[in-house]
Amino acid sequence: MPIEPATVDRVNARHGGAYRLAEFPIGAYGRTQATETMTVPNYLMVAERAPDELVRDVLAVLFESRSTIAEEVPAAALLDRRQAIFTDPVDLHPGAVAYYSQSRR
């Protein structure tokens, strides 16, 4: 069922902006065409005191292994570094900032 951008805006006005407009991909649940819909982002949370190097290493393994992970968890194939930095209202951990900064090079 497609969800229009105006609907996402109305829901966000009442629920703190937690929802995003997204495209439900072809193939998901047998879909034969992409469908615009509403989604809630998933966040990988770590303690603020987690070492920067550990956070960088976890992200590196996650993104480098997403194809293998997707064999068991198909949504892992949709992981995208360009989108992963958008975590508002949650701040990125300094180790994540370092990882994403280095990944652009």
PDB file of N, CA and C in Angstrom:
ATOM      1  N   MET A   1       0.832  -1.165   0.000  1.00  0.00           N
ATOM      2  CA  MET A   1       0.000   0.000   0.000  1.00  0.00           C
ATOM      3  C   MET A   1       0.886   1.241   0.000  1.00  0.00           C
ATOM      4  N   PRO A   2       0.847   2.050  -1.008  1.00  0.00           N
ATOM      5  CA  PRO A   2       1.682   3.250  -1.043  1.00  0.00           C
ATOM      6  C   PRO A   2       1.246   4.272   0.004  1.00  0.00           C
ATOM      7  N   ILE A   3       2.215   4.964   0.530  1.00  0.00           N
ATOM      8  CA  ILE A   3       1.954   6.029   1.494  1.00  0.00           C
ATOM      9  C   ILE A   3       2.546   7.316   0.936  1.00  0.00           C
ATOM     10  N   GLU A   4       1.723   8.324   0.830  1.00  0.00           N
ATOM     11  CA  GLU A   4       2.109   9.599   0.226  1.00  0.00           C
ATOM     12  C   GLU A   4       2.970  10.436   1.178  1.00  0.00           C
ATOM     13  N   PRO A   5       3.836  11.300   0.628  1.00  0.00           N
ATOM     14  CA  PRO A   5       4.671  12.168   1.462  1.00  0.00           C
ATOM     15  C   PRO A   5       3.858  13.022   2.441  1.00  0.00           C
ATOM     16  N   ALA A   6       2.695  13.495   2.028  1.00  0.00           N
ATOM     17  CA  ALA A   6       1.861  14.313   2.923  1.00  0.00           C
ATOM     18  C   ALA A   6       1.428  13.525   4.157  1.00  0.00           C
ATOM     19  N   THR A   7       1.205  12.234   3.995  1.00  0.00           N
ATOM     20  CA  THR A   7       0.820  11.394   5.126  1.00  0.00           C
ATOM     21  C   THR A   7       1.979  11.269   6.104  1.00  0.00           C
ATOM     22  N   VAL A   8       3.172  11.083   5.576  1.00  0.00           N
ATOM     23  CA  VAL A   8       4.366  11.004   6.428  1.00  0.00           C
ATOM     24  C   VAL A   8       4.528  12.313   7.203  1.00  0.00           C
ATOM     25  N   ASP A   9       4.327  13.431   6.541  1.00  0.00           N
ATOM     26  CA  ASP A   9       4.426  14.740   7.200  1.00  0.00           C
ATOM     27  C   ASP A   9       3.405  14.871   8.331  1.00  0.00           C
ATOM     28  N   ARG A  10       2.180  14.441   8.082  1.00  0.00           N
ATOM     29  CA  ARG A  10       1.132  14.523   9.114  1.00  0.00           C
ATOM     30  C   ARG A  10       1.474  13.640  10.318  1.00  0.00           C
ATOM     31  N   VAL A  11       1.947  12.451  10.062  1.00  0.00           N
ATOM     32  CA  VAL A  11       2.314  11.544  11.158  1.00  0.00           C
ATOM     33  C   VAL A  11       3.479  12.139  11.945  1.00  0.00           C
ATOM     34  N   ASN A  12       4.463  12.676  11.249  1.00  0.00           N
ATOM     35  CA  ASN A  12       5.619  13.264  11.933  1.00  0.00           C
ATOM     36  C   ASN A  12       5.239  14.469  12.775  1.00  0.00           C
ATOM     37  N   ALA A  13       4.255  15.220  12.345  1.00  0.00           N
ATOM     38  CA  ALA A  13       3.817  16.384  13.112  1.00  0.00           C
ATOM     39  C   ALA A  13       3.294  15.972  14.489  1.00  0.00           C
ATOM     40  N   ARG A  14       2.769  14.771  14.568  1.00  0.00           N
ATOM     41  CA  ARG A  14       2.203  14.279  15.835  1.00  0.00           C
ATOM     42  C   ARG A  14       3.153  13.377  16.606  1.00  0.00           C
ATOM     43  N   HIS A  15       4.212  12.883  15.946  1.00  0.00           N
ATOM     44  CA  HIS A  15       5.070  11.876  16.582  1.00  0.00           C
ATOM     45  C   HIS A  15       6.553  12.220  16.522  1.00  0.00           C
ATOM     46  N   GLY A  16       6.885  13.481  16.547  1.00  0.00           N
ATOM     47  CA  GLY A  16       8.269  13.897  16.733  1.00  0.00           C
ATOM     48  C   GLY A  16       9.223  13.667  15.581  1.00  0.00           C
ATOM     49  N   GLY A  17       8.728  13.471  14.388  1.00  0.00           N
ATOM     50  CA  GLY A  17       9.620  13.347  13.234  1.00  0.00           C
ATOM     51  C   GLY A  17      10.378  12.036  13.141  1.00  0.00           C
ATOM     52  N   ALA A  18       9.868  10.983  13.729  1.00  0.00           N
ATOM     53  CA  ALA A  18      10.566   9.698  13.733  1.00  0.00           C
ATOM     54  C   ALA A  18      10.477   8.945  12.409  1.00  0.00           C
ATOM     55  N   TYR A  19       9.538   9.315  11.555  1.00  0.00           N
ATOM     56  CA  TYR A  19       9.281   8.558  10.327  1.00  0.00           C
ATOM     57  C   TYR A  19       9.947   9.212   9.124  1.00  0.00           C
ATOM     58  N   ARG A  20      10.245   8.399   8.131  1.00  0.00           N
ATOM     59  CA  ARG A  20      10.872   8.874   6.910  1.00  0.00           C
ATOM     60  C   ARG A  20      10.095   8.343   5.705  1.00  0.00           C
ATOM     61  N   LEU A  21      10.190   9.063   4.613  1.00  0.00           N
ATOM     62  CA  LEU A  21       9.676   8.573   3.340  1.00  0.00           C
ATOM     63  C   LEU A  21      10.722   7.621   2.784  1.00  0.00           C
ATOM     64  N   ALA A  22      10.288   6.501   2.277  1.00  0.00           N
ATOM     65  CA  ALA A  22      11.227   5.500   1.765  1.00  0.00           C
ATOM     66  C   ALA A  22      10.597   4.780   0.587  1.00  0.00           C
ATOM     67  N   GLU A  23      11.425   4.066  -0.125  1.00  0.00           N
ATOM     68  CA  GLU A  23      10.952   3.260  -1.238  1.00  0.00           C
ATOM     69  C   GLU A  23      10.997   1.799  -0.824  1.00  0.00           C
ATOM     70  N   PHE A  24       9.852   1.149  -0.871  1.00  0.00           N
ATOM     71  CA  PHE A  24       9.771  -0.282  -0.612  1.00  0.00           C
ATOM     72  C   PHE A  24      10.287  -0.959  -1.881  1.00  0.00           C
ATOM     73  N   PRO A  25      11.369  -1.701  -1.810  1.00  0.00           N
ATOM     74  CA  PRO A  25      12.042  -2.177  -3.022  1.00  0.00           C
ATOM     75  C   PRO A  25      11.333  -3.303  -3.771  1.00  0.00           C
ATOM     76  N   ILE A  26      11.627  -3.374  -5.043  1.00  0.00           N
ATOM     77  CA  ILE A  26      11.162  -4.482  -5.883  1.00  0.00           C
ATOM     78  C   ILE A  26      11.699  -5.778  -5.280  1.00  0.00           C
ATOM     79  N   GLY A  27      10.885  -6.785  -5.232  1.00  0.00           N
ATOM     80  CA  GLY A  27      11.302  -8.080  -4.714  1.00  0.00           C
ATOM     81  C   GLY A  27      10.952  -8.295  -3.251  1.00  0.00           C
ATOM     82  N   ALA A  28      10.836  -7.224  -2.484  1.00  0.00           N
ATOM     83  CA  ALA A  28      10.476  -7.384  -1.080  1.00  0.00           C
ATOM     84  C   ALA A  28       9.033  -7.856  -0.991  1.00  0.00           C
ATOM     85  N   TYR A  29       8.822  -8.927  -0.287  1.00  0.00           N
ATOM     86  CA  TYR A  29       7.490  -9.517  -0.143  1.00  0.00           C
ATOM     87  C   TYR A  29       6.829  -9.776  -1.499  1.00  0.00           C
ATOM     88  N   GLY A  30       7.643 -10.129  -2.494  1.00  0.00           N
ATOM     89  CA  GLY A  30       7.115 -10.463  -3.804  1.00  0.00           C
ATOM     90  C   GLY A  30       6.671  -9.278  -4.639  1.00  0.00           C
ATOM     91  N   ARG A  31       7.026  -8.059  -4.240  1.00  0.00           N
ATOM     92  CA  ARG A  31       6.626  -6.855  -4.984  1.00  0.00           C
ATOM     93  C   ARG A  31       7.277  -6.858  -6.365  1.00  0.00           C
ATOM     94  N   THR A  32       6.522  -6.470  -7.363  1.00  0.00           N
ATOM     95  CA  THR A  32       7.041  -6.401  -8.730  1.00  0.00           C
ATOM     96  C   THR A  32       7.390  -4.972  -9.138  1.00  0.00           C
ATOM     97  N   GLN A  33       7.040  -4.014  -8.287  1.00  0.00           N
ATOM     98  CA  GLN A  33       7.430  -2.625  -8.545  1.00  0.00           C
ATOM     99  C   GLN A  33       7.733  -1.941  -7.214  1.00  0.00           C
ATOM    100  N   ALA A  34       8.578  -0.926  -7.269  1.00  0.00           N
ATOM    101  CA  ALA A  34       8.901  -0.168  -6.068  1.00  0.00           C
ATOM    102  C   ALA A  34       7.672   0.638  -5.644  1.00  0.00           C
ATOM    103  N   THR A  35       7.532   0.830  -4.350  1.00  0.00           N
ATOM    104  CA  THR A  35       6.389   1.550  -3.810  1.00  0.00           C
ATOM    105  C   THR A  35       6.878   2.559  -2.780  1.00  0.00           C
ATOM    106  N   GLU A  36       6.415   3.796  -2.906  1.00  0.00           N
ATOM    107  CA  GLU A  36       6.754   4.814  -1.923  1.00  0.00           C
ATOM    108  C   GLU A  36       5.980   4.542  -0.644  1.00  0.00           C
ATOM    109  N   THR A  37       6.689   4.581   0.491  1.00  0.00           N
ATOM    110  CA  THR A  37       6.051   4.238   1.753  1.00  0.00           C
ATOM    111  C   THR A  37       6.700   4.988   2.904  1.00  0.00           C
ATOM    112  N   MET A  38       6.291   4.661   4.092  1.00  0.00           N
ATOM    113  CA  MET A  38       6.810   5.284   5.302  1.00  0.00           C
ATOM    114  C   MET A  38       7.643   4.251   6.054  1.00  0.00           C
ATOM    115  N   THR A  39       8.718   4.704   6.652  1.00  0.00           N
ATOM    116  CA  THR A  39       9.581   3.794   7.383  1.00  0.00           C
ATOM    117  C   THR A  39      10.074   4.447   8.661  1.00  0.00           C
ATOM    118  N   VAL A  40      10.564   3.636   9.545  1.00  0.00           N
ATOM    119  CA  VAL A  40      11.233   4.090  10.754  1.00  0.00           C
ATOM    120  C   VAL A  40      12.670   3.600  10.646  1.00  0.00           C
ATOM    121  N   PRO A  41      13.630   4.498  10.728  1.00  0.00           N
ATOM    122  CA  PRO A  41      15.026   4.065  10.618  1.00  0.00           C
ATOM    123  C   PRO A  41      15.420   3.124  11.757  1.00  0.00           C
ATOM    124  N   ASN A  42      16.362   2.251  11.472  1.00  0.00           N
ATOM    125  CA  ASN A  42      16.964   1.394  12.487  1.00  0.00           C
ATOM    126  C   ASN A  42      18.332   1.959  12.824  1.00  0.00           C
ATOM    127  N   TYR A  43      18.659   1.977  14.085  1.00  0.00           N
ATOM    128  CA  TYR A  43      19.944   2.507  14.525  1.00  0.00           C
ATOM    129  C   TYR A  43      20.728   1.427  15.243  1.00  0.00           C
ATOM    130  N   LEU A  44      22.018   1.388  15.002  1.00  0.00           N
ATOM    131  CA  LEU A  44      22.933   0.559  15.774  1.00  0.00           C
ATOM    132  C   LEU A  44      23.440   1.451  16.898  1.00  0.00           C
ATOM    133  N   MET A  45      23.060   1.148  18.108  1.00  0.00           N
ATOM    134  CA  MET A  45      23.392   1.997  19.249  1.00  0.00           C
ATOM    135  C   MET A  45      24.591   1.432  20.002  1.00  0.00           C
ATOM    136  N   VAL A  46      25.436   2.333  20.461  1.00  0.00           N
ATOM    137  CA  VAL A  46      26.565   1.962  21.316  1.00  0.00           C
ATOM    138  C   VAL A  46      26.613   2.934  22.484  1.00  0.00           C
ATOM    139  N   ALA A  47      27.266   2.516  23.540  1.00  0.00           N
ATOM    140  CA  ALA A  47      27.450   3.404  24.683  1.00  0.00           C
ATOM    141  C   ALA A  47      28.341   4.571  24.272  1.00  0.00           C
ATOM    142  N   GLU A  48      28.059   5.721  24.835  1.00  0.00           N
ATOM    143  CA  GLU A  48      28.842   6.914  24.521  1.00  0.00           C
ATOM    144  C   GLU A  48      30.322   6.686  24.827  1.00  0.00           C
ATOM    145  N   ARG A  49      30.607   5.875  25.822  1.00  0.00           N
ATOM    146  CA  ARG A  49      31.989   5.623  26.222  1.00  0.00           C
ATOM    147  C   ARG A  49      32.665   4.505  25.418  1.00  0.00           C
ATOM    148  N   ALA A  50      31.951   3.910  24.467  1.00  0.00           N
ATOM    149  CA  ALA A  50      32.559   2.854  23.640  1.00  0.00           C
ATOM    150  C   ALA A  50      33.773   3.426  22.916  1.00  0.00           C
ATOM    151  N   PRO A  51      34.866   2.683  22.875  1.00  0.00           N
ATOM    152  CA  PRO A  51      36.082   3.183  22.212  1.00  0.00           C
ATOM    153  C   PRO A  51      35.836   3.465  20.722  1.00  0.00           C
ATOM    154  N   ASP A  52      36.353   4.584  20.266  1.00  0.00           N
ATOM    155  CA  ASP A  52      36.196   4.982  18.860  1.00  0.00           C
ATOM    156  C   ASP A  52      36.643   3.877  17.911  1.00  0.00           C
ATOM    157  N   GLU A  53      37.781   3.258  18.210  1.00  0.00           N
ATOM    158  CA  GLU A  53      38.319   2.217  17.331  1.00  0.00           C
ATOM    159  C   GLU A  53      37.364   1.024  17.235  1.00  0.00           C
ATOM    160  N   LEU A  54      36.739   0.651  18.332  1.00  0.00           N
ATOM    161  CA  LEU A  54      35.779  -0.453  18.325  1.00  0.00           C
ATOM    162  C   LEU A  54      34.595  -0.126  17.426  1.00  0.00           C
ATOM    163  N   VAL A  55      34.069   1.084  17.550  1.00  0.00           N
ATOM    164  CA  VAL A  55      32.927   1.493  16.738  1.00  0.00           C
ATOM    165  C   VAL A  55      33.309   1.501  15.261  1.00  0.00           C
ATOM    166  N   ARG A  56      34.489   2.037  14.928  1.00  0.00           N
ATOM    167  CA  ARG A  56      34.954   2.026  13.527  1.00  0.00           C
ATOM    168  C   ARG A  56      35.053   0.597  13.010  1.00  0.00           C
ATOM    169  N   ASP A  57      35.630  -0.292  13.813  1.00  0.00           N
ATOM    170  CA  ASP A  57      35.812  -1.688  13.392  1.00  0.00           C
ATOM    171  C   ASP A  57      34.464  -2.394  13.183  1.00  0.00           C
ATOM    172  N   VAL A  58      33.517  -2.169  14.083  1.00  0.00           N
ATOM    173  CA  VAL A  58      32.195  -2.799  13.941  1.00  0.00           C
ATOM    174  C   VAL A  58      31.531  -2.332  12.648  1.00  0.00           C
ATOM    175  N   LEU A  59      31.591  -1.028  12.376  1.00  0.00           N
ATOM    176  CA  LEU A  59      30.987  -0.517  11.141  1.00  0.00           C
ATOM    177  C   LEU A  59      31.688  -1.067   9.912  1.00  0.00           C
ATOM    178  N   ALA A  60      33.008  -1.166   9.961  1.00  0.00           N
ATOM    179  CA  ALA A  60      33.745  -1.712   8.822  1.00  0.00           C
ATOM    180  C   ALA A  60      33.314  -3.146   8.534  1.00  0.00           C
ATOM    181  N   VAL A  61      33.222  -3.971   9.573  1.00  0.00           N
ATOM    182  CA  VAL A  61      32.799  -5.365   9.393  1.00  0.00           C
ATOM    183  C   VAL A  61      31.363  -5.420   8.879  1.00  0.00           C
ATOM    184  N   LEU A  62      30.500  -4.620   9.455  1.00  0.00           N
ATOM    185  CA  LEU A  62      29.096  -4.613   9.042  1.00  0.00           C
ATOM    186  C   LEU A  62      28.951  -4.282   7.561  1.00  0.00           C
ATOM    187  N   PHE A  63      29.581  -3.206   7.117  1.00  0.00           N
ATOM    188  CA  PHE A  63      29.436  -2.805   5.717  1.00  0.00           C
ATOM    189  C   PHE A  63      30.191  -3.725   4.763  1.00  0.00           C
ATOM    190  N   GLU A  64      31.361  -4.209   5.172  1.00  0.00           N
ATOM    191  CA  GLU A  64      32.123  -5.115   4.303  1.00  0.00           C
ATOM    192  C   GLU A  64      31.461  -6.486   4.185  1.00  0.00           C
ATOM    193  N   SER A  65      30.660  -6.858   5.175  1.00  0.00           N
ATOM    194  CA  SER A  65      30.034  -8.187   5.199  1.00  0.00           C
ATOM    195  C   SER A  65      28.551  -8.155   4.853  1.00  0.00           C
ATOM    196  N   ARG A  66      28.045  -7.030   4.403  1.00  0.00           N
ATOM    197  CA  ARG A  66      26.594  -6.938   4.217  1.00  0.00           C
ATOM    198  C   ARG A  66      26.063  -7.951   3.206  1.00  0.00           C
ATOM    199  N   SER A  67      26.821  -8.285   2.187  1.00  0.00           N
ATOM    200  CA  SER A  67      26.343  -9.288   1.218  1.00  0.00           C
ATOM    201  C   SER A  67      26.199 -10.658   1.870  1.00  0.00           C
ATOM    202  N   THR A  68      27.160 -11.009   2.694  1.00  0.00           N
ATOM    203  CA  THR A  68      27.105 -12.299   3.389  1.00  0.00           C
ATOM    204  C   THR A  68      25.968 -12.299   4.405  1.00  0.00           C
ATOM    205  N   ILE A  69      25.840 -11.218   5.145  1.00  0.00           N
ATOM    206  CA  ILE A  69      24.761 -11.107   6.132  1.00  0.00           C
ATOM    207  C   ILE A  69      23.409 -11.186   5.426  1.00  0.00           C
ATOM    208  N   ALA A  70      23.313 -10.587   4.249  1.00  0.00           N
ATOM    209  CA  ALA A  70      22.048 -10.544   3.498  1.00  0.00           C
ATOM    210  C   ALA A  70      21.571 -11.932   3.076  1.00  0.00           C
ATOM    211  N   GLU A  71      22.455 -12.908   3.055  1.00  0.00           N
ATOM    212  CA  GLU A  71      22.030 -14.273   2.739  1.00  0.00           C
ATOM    213  C   GLU A  71      21.058 -14.795   3.801  1.00  0.00           C
ATOM    214  N   GLU A  72      21.204 -14.327   5.038  1.00  0.00           N
ATOM    215  CA  GLU A  72      20.316 -14.721   6.137  1.00  0.00           C
ATOM    216  C   GLU A  72      19.311 -13.629   6.492  1.00  0.00           C
ATOM    217  N   VAL A  73      19.732 -12.370   6.325  1.00  0.00           N
ATOM    218  CA  VAL A  73      18.894 -11.212   6.665  1.00  0.00           C
ATOM    219  C   VAL A  73      18.855 -10.308   5.437  1.00  0.00           C
ATOM    220  N   PRO A  74      17.913 -10.519   4.525  1.00  0.00           N
ATOM    221  CA  PRO A  74      17.893  -9.792   3.251  1.00  0.00           C
ATOM    222  C   PRO A  74      17.969  -8.268   3.375  1.00  0.00           C
ATOM    223  N   ALA A  75      17.441  -7.714   4.436  1.00  0.00           N
ATOM    224  CA  ALA A  75      17.480  -6.253   4.601  1.00  0.00           C
ATOM    225  C   ALA A  75      18.907  -5.727   4.690  1.00  0.00           C
ATOM    226  N   ALA A  76      19.853  -6.553   5.058  1.00  0.00           N
ATOM    227  CA  ALA A  76      21.248  -6.109   5.151  1.00  0.00           C
ATOM    228  C   ALA A  76      21.783  -5.647   3.798  1.00  0.00           C
ATOM    229  N   ALA A  77      21.248  -6.173   2.723  1.00  0.00           N
ATOM    230  CA  ALA A  77      21.680  -5.758   1.385  1.00  0.00           C
ATOM    231  C   ALA A  77      21.350  -4.295   1.113  1.00  0.00           C
ATOM    232  N   LEU A  78      20.423  -3.746   1.875  1.00  0.00           N
ATOM    233  CA  LEU A  78      20.000  -2.362   1.674  1.00  0.00           C
ATOM    234  C   LEU A  78      20.837  -1.362   2.465  1.00  0.00           C
ATOM    235  N   LEU A  79      21.777  -1.847   3.270  1.00  0.00           N
ATOM    236  CA  LEU A  79      22.628  -0.928   4.029  1.00  0.00           C
ATOM    237  C   LEU A  79      23.378  -0.012   3.069  1.00  0.00           C
ATOM    238  N   ASP A  80      23.358   1.272   3.362  1.00  0.00           N
ATOM    239  CA  ASP A  80      23.964   2.265   2.479  1.00  0.00           C
ATOM    240  C   ASP A  80      24.689   3.301   3.331  1.00  0.00           C
ATOM    241  N   ARG A  81      26.012   3.364   3.170  1.00  0.00           N
ATOM    242  CA  ARG A  81      26.813   4.320   3.944  1.00  0.00           C
ATOM    243  C   ARG A  81      26.343   5.752   3.761  1.00  0.00           C
ATOM    244  N   ARG A  82      25.892   6.074   2.576  1.00  0.00           N
ATOM    245  CA  ARG A  82      25.464   7.455   2.307  1.00  0.00           C
ATOM    246  C   ARG A  82      24.231   7.821   3.110  1.00  0.00           C
ATOM    247  N   GLN A  83      23.400   6.837   3.437  1.00  0.00           N
ATOM    248  CA  GLN A  83      22.192   7.085   4.221  1.00  0.00           C
ATOM    249  C   GLN A  83      22.404   6.881   5.721  1.00  0.00           C
ATOM    250  N   ALA A  84      23.392   6.074   6.067  1.00  0.00           N
ATOM    251  CA  ALA A  84      23.600   5.701   7.467  1.00  0.00           C
ATOM    252  C   ALA A  84      24.003   6.873   8.356  1.00  0.00           C
ATOM    253  N   ILE A  85      24.479   7.937   7.769  1.00  0.00           N
ATOM    254  CA  ILE A  85      24.901   9.088   8.583  1.00  0.00           C
ATOM    255  C   ILE A  85      23.734   9.938   9.045  1.00  0.00           C
ATOM    256  N   PHE A  86      22.556   9.710   8.507  1.00  0.00           N
ATOM    257  CA  PHE A  86      21.388  10.506   8.872  1.00  0.00           C
ATOM    258  C   PHE A  86      20.679   9.850  10.056  1.00  0.00           C
ATOM    259  N   THR A  87      21.068  10.244  11.250  1.00  0.00           N
ATOM    260  CA  THR A  87      20.573   9.604  12.471  1.00  0.00           C
ATOM    261  C   THR A  87      19.802  10.560  13.380  1.00  0.00           C
ATOM    262  N   ASP A  88      19.487  11.735  12.884  1.00  0.00           N
ATOM    263  CA  ASP A  88      18.792  12.720  13.697  1.00  0.00           C
ATOM    264  C   ASP A  88      17.520  12.105  14.283  1.00  0.00           C
ATOM    265  N   PRO A  89      17.248  12.207  15.513  1.00  0.00           N
ATOM    266  CA  PRO A  89      17.818  13.094  16.519  1.00  0.00           C
ATOM    267  C   PRO A  89      18.953  12.476  17.332  1.00  0.00           C
ATOM    268  N   VAL A  90      19.448  11.307  16.959  1.00  0.00           N
ATOM    269  CA  VAL A  90      20.526  10.640  17.675  1.00  0.00           C
ATOM    270  C   VAL A  90      21.859  11.069  17.057  1.00  0.00           C
ATOM    271  N   ASP A  91      22.782  11.532  17.899  1.00  0.00           N
ATOM    272  CA  ASP A  91      24.102  11.928  17.403  1.00  0.00           C
ATOM    273  C   ASP A  91      24.932  10.700  17.042  1.00  0.00           C
ATOM    274  N   LEU A  92      25.748  10.840  16.010  1.00  0.00           N
ATOM    275  CA  LEU A  92      26.697   9.784  15.677  1.00  0.00           C
ATOM    276  C   LEU A  92      27.799   9.736  16.733  1.00  0.00           C
ATOM    277  N   HIS A  93      28.230   8.540  17.071  1.00  0.00           N
ATOM    278  CA  HIS A  93      29.371   8.347  17.962  1.00  0.00           C
ATOM    279  C   HIS A  93      30.619   8.868  17.244  1.00  0.00           C
ATOM    280  N   PRO A  94      31.580   9.440  17.954  1.00  0.00           N
ATOM    281  CA  PRO A  94      32.800   9.929  17.291  1.00  0.00           C
ATOM    282  C   PRO A  94      33.500   8.851  16.449  1.00  0.00           C
ATOM    283  N   GLY A  95      33.439   7.607  16.867  1.00  0.00           N
ATOM    284  CA  GLY A  95      34.027   6.523  16.073  1.00  0.00           C
ATOM    285  C   GLY A  95      33.285   6.318  14.768  1.00  0.00           C
ATOM    286  N   ALA A  96      31.976   6.511  14.783  1.00  0.00           N
ATOM    287  CA  ALA A  96      31.180   6.408  13.550  1.00  0.00           C
ATOM    288  C   ALA A  96      31.495   7.579  12.627  1.00  0.00           C
ATOM    289  N   VAL A  97      31.634   8.763  13.203  1.00  0.00           N
ATOM    290  CA  VAL A  97      32.008   9.932  12.393  1.00  0.00           C
ATOM    291  C   VAL A  97      33.341   9.665  11.697  1.00  0.00           C
ATOM    292  N   ALA A  98      34.285   9.116  12.438  1.00  0.00           N
ATOM    293  CA  ALA A  98      35.601   8.804  11.857  1.00  0.00           C
ATOM    294  C   ALA A  98      35.471   7.772  10.744  1.00  0.00           C
ATOM    295  N   TYR A  99      34.677   6.733  10.973  1.00  0.00           N
ATOM    296  CA  TYR A  99      34.500   5.693   9.950  1.00  0.00           C
ATOM    297  C   TYR A  99      33.901   6.273   8.671  1.00  0.00           C
ATOM    298  N   TYR A 100      32.804   7.004   8.816  1.00  0.00           N
ATOM    299  CA  TYR A 100      32.144   7.538   7.627  1.00  0.00           C
ATOM    300  C   TYR A 100      33.011   8.578   6.922  1.00  0.00           C
ATOM    301  N   SER A 101      33.788   9.338   7.666  1.00  0.00           N
ATOM    302  CA  SER A 101      34.709  10.316   7.054  1.00  0.00           C
ATOM    303  C   SER A 101      35.777   9.605   6.248  1.00  0.00           C
ATOM    304  N   GLN A 102      36.322   8.541   6.791  1.00  0.00           N
ATOM    305  CA  GLN A 102      37.364   7.772   6.101  1.00  0.00           C
ATOM    306  C   GLN A 102      36.808   7.014   4.912  1.00  0.00           C
ATOM    307  N   SER A 103      35.563   6.578   5.004  1.00  0.00           N
ATOM    308  CA  SER A 103      34.944   5.780   3.931  1.00  0.00           C
ATOM    309  C   SER A 103      34.711   6.592   2.663  1.00  0.00           C
ATOM    310  N   ARG A 104      34.632   7.909   2.794  1.00  0.00           N
ATOM    311  CA  ARG A 104      34.367   8.751   1.617  1.00  0.00           C
ATOM    312  C   ARG A 104      35.612   8.893   0.752  1.00  0.00           C
ATOM    313  N   ARG A 105      36.740   8.569   1.290  1.00  0.00           N
ATOM    314  CA  ARG A 105      37.993   8.736   0.535  1.00  0.00           C
ATOM    315  C   ARG A 105      38.215   7.635  -0.447  1.00  0.00           C
TER     316      ARG A 105
END
